Amino acid sequence: MPYPGHVPSAYPGALPPPVNYPPPPRRRRLLVGGLGALVVVLAIALVVSIVMATKRGDAGPPALSNASATTAIQGYLDALTKGDDETVARNNSCGFYDVVTDRETDMTLAKLGSDAFRRQYEKATVATIDKIVTWSQYQYQVLFTMRATPAGRSQGSVQRQGIAQLLVQDGTILVCSYLPRNTGQF
């Protein structure tokens, strides 16, 4: 044993030089390059089609304007003031009114809401739209100021803020909920 701890090799002497392997066939390189180019072309086509689809006018309904929000909220306030419970219930059901089979609960809640509003105000008019917060292309939350005549008092009109949640559906703007902003002292 020439070296201590050395294990003898099964091959006597030095190893032969490494063998040069032939290069991969040219067809395989062309196939890989062609597939890479195809993937790039498909990615570009996908991006272009997405950009063209968004520019084509598929953006959905137009954004809610101050004028359309004022009209919708004023219609709802008028329904509350006149005791038009069906209009109040149609708005409050937020698009489900025509497909609900039992409307008794909806009508009861509408009556309670309009009765409470009439006990508070004789008349209410939307004065300004203070802010519109967009939740989606169909849903909005609107802070508005209304000029209202208190019920049973001759002190003139007061200004109160309210928040309305609006839904745009089938070209109609529904007031799904209305909450008065509290102006009382705490």
Protein backbone atom coordinates (compact mmCIF):
# COMPACT_ATOMS: atom_id res chain seq x y z
CA MET A 1 0.00 0.00 0.00
CA PRO A 2 1.63 3.18 -1.11
CA TYR A 3 -0.55 5.53 0.96
CA PRO A 4 -2.02 4.77 4.34
CA GLY A 5 -5.84 4.66 4.30
CA HIS A 6 -5.86 4.59 0.47
CA VAL A 7 -8.35 2.25 -1.14
CA PRO A 8 -7.05 0.61 -4.27
CA SER A 9 -8.88 1.50 -7.47
CA ALA A 10 -10.41 -1.03 -9.80
CA TYR A 11 -8.88 0.83 -12.74
CA PRO A 12 -5.10 0.49 -12.91
CA GLY A 13 -3.19 3.62 -13.79
CA ALA A 14 -4.36 7.10 -14.82
CA LEU A 15 -7.86 7.73 -16.13
CA PRO A 16 -8.34 8.35 -19.83
CA PRO A 17 -9.01 11.91 -21.06
CA PRO A 18 -12.65 13.12 -21.12
CA VAL A 19 -14.68 12.42 -24.20
CA ASN A 20 -16.17 15.30 -26.22
CA TYR A 21 -19.90 14.78 -26.73
CA PRO A 22 -21.51 15.92 -29.95
CA PRO A 23 -23.52 19.20 -29.77
CA PRO A 24 -27.31 18.87 -29.55
CA PRO A 25 -29.02 18.68 -32.88
CA ARG A 26 -29.74 22.02 -34.52
CA ARG A 27 -33.46 21.17 -34.76
CA ARG A 28 -33.84 21.13 -30.98
CA ARG A 29 -32.36 24.65 -30.64
CA LEU A 30 -34.68 25.94 -33.36
CA LEU A 31 -37.68 24.33 -31.65
CA VAL A 32 -36.87 25.90 -28.28
CA GLY A 33 -36.26 29.31 -29.91
CA GLY A 34 -39.49 29.07 -31.89
CA LEU A 35 -41.54 28.17 -28.80
CA GLY A 36 -40.02 31.11 -26.89
CA ALA A 37 -40.91 33.51 -29.71
CA LEU A 38 -44.47 32.08 -29.85
CA VAL A 39 -44.93 32.67 -26.10
CA VAL A 40 -43.76 36.29 -26.46
CA VAL A 41 -46.11 36.91 -29.42
CA LEU A 42 -49.09 35.41 -27.52
CA ALA A 43 -48.35 37.57 -24.46
CA ILE A 44 -48.24 40.71 -26.62
CA ALA A 45 -51.51 39.73 -28.35
CA LEU A 46 -53.19 39.21 -24.96
CA VAL A 47 -52.08 42.62 -23.68
CA VAL A 48 -53.22 44.34 -26.88
CA SER A 49 -56.65 42.65 -26.76
CA ILE A 50 -57.16 43.67 -23.12
CA VAL A 51 -56.23 47.28 -23.87
CA MET A 52 -58.54 47.37 -26.90
CA ALA A 53 -61.45 45.88 -24.91
CA THR A 54 -61.17 48.52 -22.21
CA LYS A 55 -60.97 51.35 -24.75
CA ARG A 56 -63.97 50.03 -26.67
CA GLY A 57 -66.41 51.50 -24.16
CA ASP A 58 -66.99 48.48 -21.93
CA ALA A 59 -66.44 50.70 -18.89
CA GLY A 60 -70.00 50.25 -17.60
CA PRO A 61 -72.47 52.93 -16.61
CA PRO A 62 -71.38 56.54 -16.33
CA ALA A 63 -70.33 57.83 -12.93
CA LEU A 64 -73.00 59.30 -10.69
CA SER A 65 -73.30 63.06 -11.15
CA ASN A 66 -74.38 65.64 -8.58
CA ALA A 67 -77.54 66.29 -10.63
CA SER A 68 -78.57 62.63 -10.85
CA ALA A 69 -77.82 62.09 -7.14
CA THR A 70 -79.89 65.18 -6.27
CA THR A 71 -82.83 63.94 -8.36
CA ALA A 72 -82.77 60.46 -6.80
CA ILE A 73 -82.43 61.70 -3.21
CA GLN A 74 -85.10 64.39 -3.72
CA GLY A 75 -87.51 61.76 -5.07
CA TYR A 76 -86.89 59.65 -1.98
CA LEU A 77 -87.36 62.62 0.39
CA ASP A 78 -90.60 63.53 -1.42
CA ALA A 79 -91.84 59.95 -0.99
CA LEU A 80 -91.05 60.13 2.74
CA THR A 81 -92.81 63.49 3.05
CA LYS A 82 -95.94 62.36 1.17
CA GLY A 83 -96.15 58.96 2.84
CA ASP A 84 -95.63 57.14 -0.47
CA ASP A 85 -94.73 53.88 1.24
CA GLU A 86 -94.47 51.86 -1.99
CA THR A 87 -91.78 54.18 -3.39
CA VAL A 88 -89.94 54.14 -0.05
CA ALA A 89 -90.14 50.32 0.09
CA ARG A 90 -89.03 50.01 -3.57
CA ASN A 91 -85.94 52.11 -2.80
CA ASN A 92 -85.17 50.45 0.53
CA SER A 93 -85.36 46.94 -0.94
CA CYS A 94 -82.46 47.99 -3.17
CA GLY A 95 -83.45 46.23 -6.38
CA PHE A 96 -85.35 43.25 -4.92
CA TYR A 97 -88.81 44.83 -4.68
CA ASP A 98 -90.22 43.33 -7.89
CA VAL A 99 -89.12 39.77 -7.09
CA VAL A 100 -90.02 39.66 -3.38
CA THR A 101 -93.19 37.62 -2.90
CA ASP A 102 -94.13 38.87 0.58
CA ARG A 103 -93.81 42.65 0.83
CA GLU A 104 -95.54 43.04 4.19
CA THR A 105 -92.32 43.61 6.12
CA ASP A 106 -91.01 46.02 3.47
CA MET A 107 -94.22 48.04 3.57
CA THR A 108 -94.25 48.12 7.40
CA LEU A 109 -90.68 49.38 7.54
CA ALA A 110 -91.42 51.97 4.83
CA LYS A 111 -94.48 53.20 6.77
CA LEU A 112 -92.49 53.48 10.00
CA GLY A 113 -89.69 55.35 8.23
CA SER A 114 -91.98 57.81 6.45
CA ASP A 115 -94.07 58.38 9.61
CA ALA A 116 -90.91 59.19 11.59
CA PHE A 117 -89.70 61.52 8.83
CA ARG A 118 -93.07 63.37 8.68
CA ARG A 119 -93.06 63.81 12.47
CA GLN A 120 -89.70 65.49 12.11
CA TYR A 121 -90.13 67.51 8.87
CA GLU A 122 -93.00 68.95 6.87
CA LYS A 123 -90.87 69.48 3.79
CA ALA A 124 -87.30 68.69 2.76
CA THR A 125 -85.32 69.83 -0.26
CA VAL A 126 -81.82 68.75 -1.25
CA ALA A 127 -79.69 71.89 -1.05
CA THR A 128 -76.25 70.52 -1.97
CA ILE A 129 -74.41 67.32 -2.66
CA ASP A 130 -71.42 67.61 -0.35
CA LYS A 131 -69.45 64.49 -1.33
CA ILE A 132 -69.90 61.35 -3.40
CA VAL A 133 -67.89 58.29 -2.40
CA THR A 134 -67.74 55.62 -5.09
CA TRP A 135 -67.84 52.03 -3.84
CA SER A 136 -68.12 50.48 -7.30
CA GLN A 137 -69.42 51.49 -10.72
CA TYR A 138 -72.93 50.76 -9.40
CA GLN A 139 -72.77 51.75 -5.71
CA TYR A 140 -72.28 55.16 -4.15
CA GLN A 141 -72.49 56.79 -0.75
CA VAL A 142 -73.56 60.42 -0.83
CA LEU A 143 -73.26 63.06 1.86
CA PHE A 144 -75.83 65.78 1.18
CA THR A 145 -77.32 68.85 2.86
CA MET A 146 -81.06 69.37 2.86
CA ARG A 147 -83.10 72.43 3.70
CA ALA A 148 -86.03 71.24 5.80
CA THR A 149 -89.07 72.79 7.44
CA PRO A 150 -89.51 71.26 10.91
CA ALA A 151 -92.93 69.74 11.58
CA GLY A 152 -95.29 71.76 13.78
CA ARG A 153 -92.94 74.71 14.25
CA SER A 154 -92.96 78.07 12.62
CA GLN A 155 -89.26 78.77 13.09
CA GLY A 156 -88.48 78.61 9.35
CA SER A 157 -86.20 76.16 7.66
CA VAL A 158 -83.15 74.38 9.01
CA GLN A 159 -80.23 72.76 7.26
CA ARG A 160 -79.41 69.15 8.02
CA GLN A 161 -76.95 66.72 6.52
CA GLY A 162 -77.78 63.17 5.60
CA ILE A 163 -76.06 60.16 4.10
CA ALA A 164 -77.71 58.17 1.32
CA GLN A 165 -76.49 54.91 -0.13
CA LEU A 166 -77.36 54.71 -3.82
CA LEU A 167 -77.50 51.81 -6.26
CA VAL A 168 -77.59 52.26 -10.03
CA GLN A 169 -79.54 49.39 -11.57
CA ASP A 170 -81.11 49.14 -15.02
CA GLY A 171 -80.84 52.90 -15.53
CA THR A 172 -82.63 53.65 -12.23
CA ILE A 173 -80.99 55.14 -9.16
CA LEU A 174 -82.33 53.64 -5.93
CA VAL A 175 -81.83 55.14 -2.48
CA CYS A 176 -81.11 51.95 -0.54
CA SER A 177 -80.76 53.72 2.78
CA TYR A 178 -80.91 57.20 4.26
CA LEU A 179 -79.38 58.23 7.57
CA PRO A 180 -79.69 61.72 9.00
CA ARG A 181 -76.52 63.19 10.48
CA ASN A 182 -77.10 64.01 14.13
CA THR A 183 -76.78 67.71 14.93
CA GLY A 184 -77.82 67.54 18.57
CA GLN A 185 -75.69 68.52 21.57
CA PHE A 186 -74.01 65.75 23.56
